[in-house]
Every structure is written in structure tokens, then in C-alpha cells.
Amino acid sequence: MRVVPLSEAVAVNPKIDRSQLADDTQVSFVPMAAVGAADGSIDADTVRPYAEVKKGYTHFRENDVLFAKVTPCMENGKMAVARKLKNGMGFGSTEFHVLRPREGVDPHYVYHFVSSQTFRKEAARHMTGAVGLRRVPSAFLESAEIPLPALGVQREIVAELEKQFSRLDEAVANLQRVKA
């Protein structure tokens, strides 16, 4: 299995072709509060016209990975795969880094890798800025290394991780029932 810089697996903070969007195009709006902490959840139900969000917000599209870059959100695991976006487009907090998987890279594989506690601890060591306003620089993400197996193997890993997380969730629910 190859180990590559993350920038070989994803485009970090890719640019948007604004010429393709009309001001009245409806897009999802995802503030930081709409991304769950350490659970990969995302609420993309809020919709706004492109004219309202085209300036001052981070853009992303379906299957991009959102990575909170600011403390404490990054340490808390506010990351998700963008899905169910209106017209496949979203705009949100400027405190997101956007990781767009390249061809042959599964977005959920990238999500599980960057949301792991090990990766987040390493990212925290590379934060810059003043106390309370520290951020993960894009240069760290571009150079961080990720193991990159074949796409089929990535999908097998994701399936196994999700199976184990489901088992864990079930065990926690059972424990809470027993406690009650």
C-alpha cells in the first residue's frame, strides 16, 4: 500500500467556477453548528440563493469532506462528508477546510482518516495563531501523509469501520437501557 501526501488523494480548498452559478440558484447552507462533533453528521437542509452566500463563505460540493480548521471544533471532530446538498452545492463556515477526493479516492475513507483521534492530535500540534483562535493551516493538510490502498480496499475498510461503529452504538444503547 502506498503512503502519499494528502494533497495527492484530495484537492485541498479547491476553487469554484463561479461562472456556472446564477444568483438565484438554490444551494445548501451549512454553518459550523450544522456539522456534528465526532459523528460525521451534517444538516444540509437550510437552503439559500447563491447571491446570498457567494461572498464570505466557504464553498463545497457533494462528497467533499468538510474539516473544521479552528479550535475547539477541530479537536471535537466537527467533520463530515457533504451529502444531500441542494443542486450538489453548499456554502458554509469560513472555518472549514474542504477536501475534495480525487479520482479513485473514497470520500468516506478520507473522512475516517482525517477524523481519527490520531490525525486530529497531529493537526492540533500544527495549529497556528493566537490562543483561542488557533487554526490548522492548509499546508499541514497538503503535506500530511495518508495510506492510500486501491479504491476497493478503501471501500472495504470503510464498510468494516461503519460496521464496528454500528456495533458500538448498539452496545451503548443496550447499556443505557440496562441502566434505565
Protein backbone atom coordinates (compact mmCIF):
# COMPACT_ATOMS: atom_id res chain seq x y z
CA MET A 1 0.00 0.00 0.00
CA ARG A 2 1.23 3.45 -0.90
CA VAL A 3 1.54 6.27 1.60
CA VAL A 4 1.10 9.63 -0.11
CA PRO A 5 0.75 13.27 0.86
CA LEU A 6 -2.92 14.04 1.45
CA SER A 7 -2.73 16.51 -1.45
CA GLU A 8 -2.27 13.54 -3.81
CA ALA A 9 -5.52 12.00 -2.53
CA VAL A 10 -7.59 15.20 -2.32
CA ALA A 11 -7.65 18.74 -3.59
CA VAL A 12 -7.35 20.97 -0.52
CA ASN A 13 -9.67 24.00 -0.65
CA PRO A 14 -10.37 23.77 -4.41
CA LYS A 15 -11.52 26.82 -6.31
CA ILE A 16 -15.06 27.24 -7.60
CA ASP A 17 -16.11 28.13 -11.13
CA ARG A 18 -18.49 30.95 -10.27
CA SER A 19 -19.46 31.48 -13.92
CA GLN A 20 -21.60 28.33 -13.75
CA LEU A 21 -23.86 29.63 -10.95
CA ALA A 22 -26.77 32.03 -11.38
CA ASP A 23 -27.61 34.28 -8.43
CA ASP A 24 -30.98 32.58 -7.98
CA THR A 25 -29.53 29.04 -7.87
CA GLN A 26 -30.60 27.39 -4.63
CA VAL A 27 -27.70 25.91 -2.63
CA SER A 28 -27.32 24.31 0.78
CA PHE A 29 -26.07 26.47 3.63
CA VAL A 30 -24.05 24.68 6.31
CA PRO A 31 -22.83 26.69 9.30
CA MET A 32 -20.40 25.06 11.76
CA ALA A 33 -23.32 24.22 14.07
CA ALA A 34 -24.82 22.02 11.32
CA VAL A 35 -21.87 19.58 11.47
CA GLY A 36 -21.85 17.06 14.30
CA ALA A 37 -18.93 16.57 16.66
CA ALA A 38 -17.18 13.20 16.16
CA ASP A 39 -20.15 11.57 14.45
CA GLY A 40 -19.88 12.66 10.80
CA SER A 41 -23.39 14.08 10.75
CA ILE A 42 -24.31 17.06 8.61
CA ASP A 43 -27.54 19.03 8.29
CA ALA A 44 -27.70 20.44 4.78
CA ASP A 45 -31.44 21.22 4.86
CA THR A 46 -31.04 25.00 5.05
CA VAL A 47 -31.21 26.44 1.54
CA ARG A 48 -30.28 29.91 0.33
CA PRO A 49 -29.92 31.53 -3.09
CA TYR A 50 -26.35 31.66 -4.36
CA ALA A 51 -26.49 35.50 -4.34
CA GLU A 52 -26.71 35.46 -0.52
CA VAL A 53 -23.72 33.17 0.04
CA LYS A 54 -21.38 33.77 -2.89
CA LYS A 55 -19.17 36.10 -0.84
CA GLY A 56 -17.86 35.47 2.64
CA TYR A 57 -18.50 31.72 2.83
CA THR A 58 -16.62 28.53 2.04
CA HIS A 59 -17.91 26.63 -0.98
CA PHE A 60 -18.05 22.86 -1.40
CA ARG A 61 -19.91 20.25 -3.38
CA GLU A 62 -21.44 16.82 -2.96
CA ASN A 63 -18.96 14.26 -1.49
CA ASP A 64 -16.39 16.84 -0.40
CA VAL A 65 -15.06 16.31 3.12
CA LEU A 66 -15.56 19.26 5.47
CA PHE A 67 -12.79 19.60 8.06
CA ALA A 68 -13.18 22.16 10.86
CA LYS A 69 -9.92 24.08 10.99
CA VAL A 70 -10.48 26.18 14.11
CA THR A 71 -10.12 25.30 17.78
CA PRO A 72 -12.05 23.76 19.54
CA CYS A 73 -14.18 22.50 16.64
CA MET A 74 -11.32 20.55 15.02
CA GLU A 75 -10.37 18.85 18.29
CA ASN A 76 -14.04 17.97 18.83
CA GLY A 77 -14.17 16.24 15.43
CA LYS A 78 -16.52 18.54 13.52
CA MET A 79 -16.01 16.85 10.16
CA ALA A 80 -18.35 15.27 7.65
CA VAL A 81 -18.82 14.15 4.08
CA ALA A 82 -21.04 16.75 2.39
CA ARG A 83 -24.15 14.96 1.17
CA LYS A 84 -27.71 15.70 0.13
CA LEU A 85 -26.72 19.21 -0.95
CA LYS A 86 -29.28 21.26 -2.87
CA ASN A 87 -28.16 21.24 -6.52
CA GLY A 88 -25.00 19.44 -5.38
CA MET A 89 -23.53 22.68 -3.98
CA GLY A 90 -23.02 24.01 -0.49
CA PHE A 91 -21.67 27.08 1.23
CA GLY A 92 -20.86 27.43 4.88
CA SER A 93 -18.50 28.50 7.60
CA THR A 94 -15.19 30.03 6.59
CA GLU A 95 -13.73 27.83 9.33
CA PHE A 96 -13.97 24.71 7.15
CA HIS A 97 -11.18 23.30 5.06
CA VAL A 98 -12.62 21.48 2.04
CA LEU A 99 -11.03 18.19 0.97
CA ARG A 100 -12.21 17.10 -2.48
CA PRO A 101 -11.31 13.44 -3.16
CA ARG A 102 -9.50 12.85 -6.42
CA GLU A 103 -10.49 10.07 -8.82
CA GLY A 104 -10.06 6.67 -7.18
CA VAL A 105 -10.41 8.02 -3.63
CA ASP A 106 -13.47 7.31 -1.49
CA PRO A 107 -14.70 10.39 0.44
CA HIS A 108 -15.71 8.26 3.44
CA TYR A 109 -12.20 6.78 3.59
CA VAL A 110 -10.77 10.30 3.72
CA TYR A 111 -13.35 11.32 6.33
CA HIS A 112 -12.49 8.39 8.62
CA PHE A 113 -8.77 9.09 8.24
CA VAL A 114 -8.88 12.83 8.99
CA SER A 115 -11.47 12.48 11.75
CA SER A 116 -9.42 9.88 13.63
CA GLN A 117 -8.16 10.96 17.01
CA THR A 118 -4.57 10.30 15.92
CA PHE A 119 -4.86 12.63 12.92
CA ARG A 120 -6.66 15.33 14.91
CA LYS A 121 -3.96 15.28 17.61
CA GLU A 122 -1.29 15.72 14.96
CA ALA A 123 -3.28 18.52 13.33
CA ALA A 124 -3.62 20.23 16.73
CA ARG A 125 0.19 20.22 17.10
CA HIS A 126 0.45 22.14 13.81
CA MET A 127 -2.16 24.81 14.57
CA THR A 128 -1.11 28.42 14.19
CA GLY A 129 -2.46 31.65 15.61
CA ALA A 130 -3.22 33.12 19.00
CA VAL A 131 -4.63 31.12 21.89
CA GLY A 132 -8.36 30.70 21.39
CA LEU A 133 -8.14 31.46 17.67
CA ARG A 134 -5.85 28.70 16.51
CA ARG A 135 -6.32 27.10 13.10
CA VAL A 136 -4.98 24.13 11.17
CA PRO A 137 -3.07 25.56 8.19
CA SER A 138 -3.84 24.16 4.75
CA ALA A 139 -0.10 23.45 4.32
CA PHE A 140 -0.33 20.86 7.10
CA LEU A 141 -3.22 19.10 5.35
CA GLU A 142 -1.46 19.15 2.00
CA SER A 143 1.68 17.51 3.39
CA ALA A 144 0.14 15.11 5.96
CA GLU A 145 0.53 11.53 4.83
CA ILE A 146 -2.33 9.11 4.21
CA PRO A 147 -2.13 5.39 3.43
CA LEU A 148 -3.83 5.00 0.06
CA PRO A 149 -4.86 1.47 -0.91
CA ALA A 150 -6.84 0.66 -4.06
CA LEU A 151 -10.40 2.02 -4.16
CA GLY A 152 -11.94 -1.41 -3.50
CA VAL A 153 -9.81 -1.82 -0.38
CA GLN A 154 -10.75 1.71 0.76
CA ARG A 155 -14.41 0.74 0.49
CA GLU A 156 -13.81 -2.49 2.43
CA ILE A 157 -12.10 -0.51 5.20
CA VAL A 158 -14.99 1.99 5.33
CA ALA A 159 -17.56 -0.83 5.45
CA GLU A 160 -15.72 -2.52 8.32
CA LEU A 161 -15.33 0.74 10.25
CA GLU A 162 -19.02 1.54 9.83
CA LYS A 163 -19.96 -1.99 10.91
CA GLN A 164 -17.87 -1.67 14.06
CA PHE A 165 -19.25 1.81 14.83
CA SER A 166 -22.79 0.42 14.45
CA ARG A 167 -21.95 -2.36 16.89
CA LEU A 168 -20.54 0.17 19.33
CA ASP A 169 -23.65 2.37 19.03
CA GLU A 170 -25.84 -0.69 19.67
CA ALA A 171 -23.78 -1.66 22.72
CA VAL A 172 -24.04 1.86 24.14
CA ALA A 173 -27.81 1.86 23.58
CA ASN A 174 -28.11 -1.51 25.31
CA LEU A 175 -26.05 -0.26 28.24
CA GLN A 176 -28.29 2.79 28.58
CA ARG A 177 -31.38 0.56 28.53
CA VAL A 178 -29.89 -1.64 31.26
CA LYS A 179 -29.01 1.43 33.35
CA ALA A 180 -32.56 2.76 32.99
